Amino acid sequence: MQRRLWFKAKTHGWGWTPATWEGWLATSVYAAAFGIWIAYWVRAAEATADKPYLGFLPLLILTGGFVLLCWTKGEKPRWSWGRNRGSIR
């Protein structure tokens, strides 16, 4: 039984791109959560001015979780120079 991949490997570079609606939904939720946290963190900057690293910790956890999701639900990541390596366009 072949598993359905939410993310496919990028054509150029290293990483993933969404391939199904589940992948797009996960990417959208990640982007929204990232943006909401940044907006909150900017407003709370005065209260956390003495400990700015506390604002980055949730972003690291969020990003780590998203990368883990991509790793488990996507193709094996690899570096790619594109599909047509021989052409000079």
Protein backbone atom coordinates (compact mmCIF):
# COMPACT_ATOMS: atom_id res chain seq x y z
CA MET A 1 0.00 0.00 0.00
CA GLN A 2 1.44 3.33 -1.06
CA ARG A 3 1.04 6.26 1.32
CA ARG A 4 -0.36 9.55 0.06
CA LEU A 5 2.19 12.36 0.31
CA TRP A 6 1.06 15.79 1.48
CA PHE A 7 4.30 17.46 0.37
CA LYS A 8 6.52 16.85 -2.65
CA ALA A 9 10.20 17.68 -2.93
CA LYS A 10 10.96 21.10 -4.41
CA THR A 11 12.13 21.27 -8.02
CA HIS A 12 14.98 23.66 -7.17
CA GLY A 13 16.80 23.69 -3.85
CA TRP A 14 16.06 21.68 -0.71
CA GLY A 15 12.72 21.31 1.00
CA TRP A 16 9.08 20.67 0.25
CA THR A 17 6.08 22.23 -1.40
CA PRO A 18 2.43 21.36 -0.66
CA ALA A 19 1.00 18.72 -3.02
CA THR A 20 -2.47 18.03 -1.59
CA TRP A 21 -5.17 19.99 0.18
CA GLU A 22 -3.88 18.62 3.50
CA GLY A 23 -0.43 20.02 2.74
CA TRP A 24 -1.88 23.40 1.83
CA LEU A 25 -4.01 23.40 4.98
CA ALA A 26 -1.00 22.56 7.17
CA THR A 27 1.05 25.29 5.47
CA SER A 28 -1.75 27.83 5.92
CA VAL A 29 -2.18 26.95 9.61
CA TYR A 30 1.60 27.24 10.13
CA ALA A 31 1.73 30.63 8.36
CA ALA A 32 -1.28 31.94 10.30
CA ALA A 33 0.10 30.78 13.65
CA PHE A 34 3.49 32.31 12.81
CA GLY A 35 1.89 35.63 11.87
CA ILE A 36 -0.37 35.71 14.92
CA TRP A 37 2.58 35.04 17.22
CA ILE A 38 4.67 37.79 15.58
CA ALA A 39 1.78 40.28 15.94
CA TYR A 40 1.35 39.31 19.59
CA TRP A 41 5.08 39.45 20.25
CA VAL A 42 5.42 42.93 18.72
CA ARG A 43 2.63 44.23 20.95
CA ALA A 44 4.12 42.57 24.03
CA ALA A 45 7.68 43.74 23.24
CA GLU A 46 7.75 46.19 26.13
CA ALA A 47 6.84 43.51 28.66
CA THR A 48 9.47 41.07 27.35
CA ALA A 49 12.22 43.58 26.56
CA ASP A 50 14.52 42.05 29.19
CA LYS A 51 14.07 38.51 27.75
CA PRO A 52 13.72 38.77 23.94
CA TYR A 53 14.64 35.10 23.47
CA LEU A 54 11.26 34.12 24.94
CA GLY A 55 9.62 35.38 21.77
CA PHE A 56 11.74 33.14 19.57
CA LEU A 57 11.19 29.93 21.51
CA PRO A 58 7.55 29.42 20.39
CA LEU A 59 8.59 30.14 16.79
CA LEU A 60 11.34 27.53 16.99
CA ILE A 61 8.91 24.96 18.40
CA LEU A 62 6.27 25.82 15.78
CA THR A 63 8.77 25.64 12.91
CA GLY A 64 10.30 22.42 14.24
CA GLY A 65 6.86 20.84 14.39
CA PHE A 66 6.08 21.93 10.84
CA VAL A 67 9.38 20.56 9.51
CA LEU A 68 8.70 17.28 11.32
CA LEU A 69 5.25 17.12 9.70
CA CYS A 70 6.77 17.77 6.27
CA TRP A 71 9.42 15.12 6.91
CA THR A 72 6.87 12.45 7.87
CA LYS A 73 4.15 13.34 5.32
CA GLY A 74 6.39 14.27 2.39
CA GLU A 75 8.94 12.90 -0.02
CA LYS A 76 12.46 12.33 1.17
CA PRO A 77 14.15 15.78 1.07
CA ARG A 78 17.07 16.17 -1.29
CA TRP A 79 18.94 18.92 -3.06
CA SER A 80 17.69 19.42 -6.61
CA TRP A 81 19.00 21.55 -9.44
CA GLY A 82 15.79 21.22 -11.43
CA ARG A 83 14.34 18.64 -13.77
CA ASN A 84 16.28 19.70 -16.90
CA ARG A 85 19.86 19.90 -15.66
CA GLY A 86 21.29 19.75 -19.19
CA SER A 87 19.39 22.70 -20.65
CA ILE A 88 20.77 26.23 -20.44
CA ARG A 89 17.60 28.32 -20.43
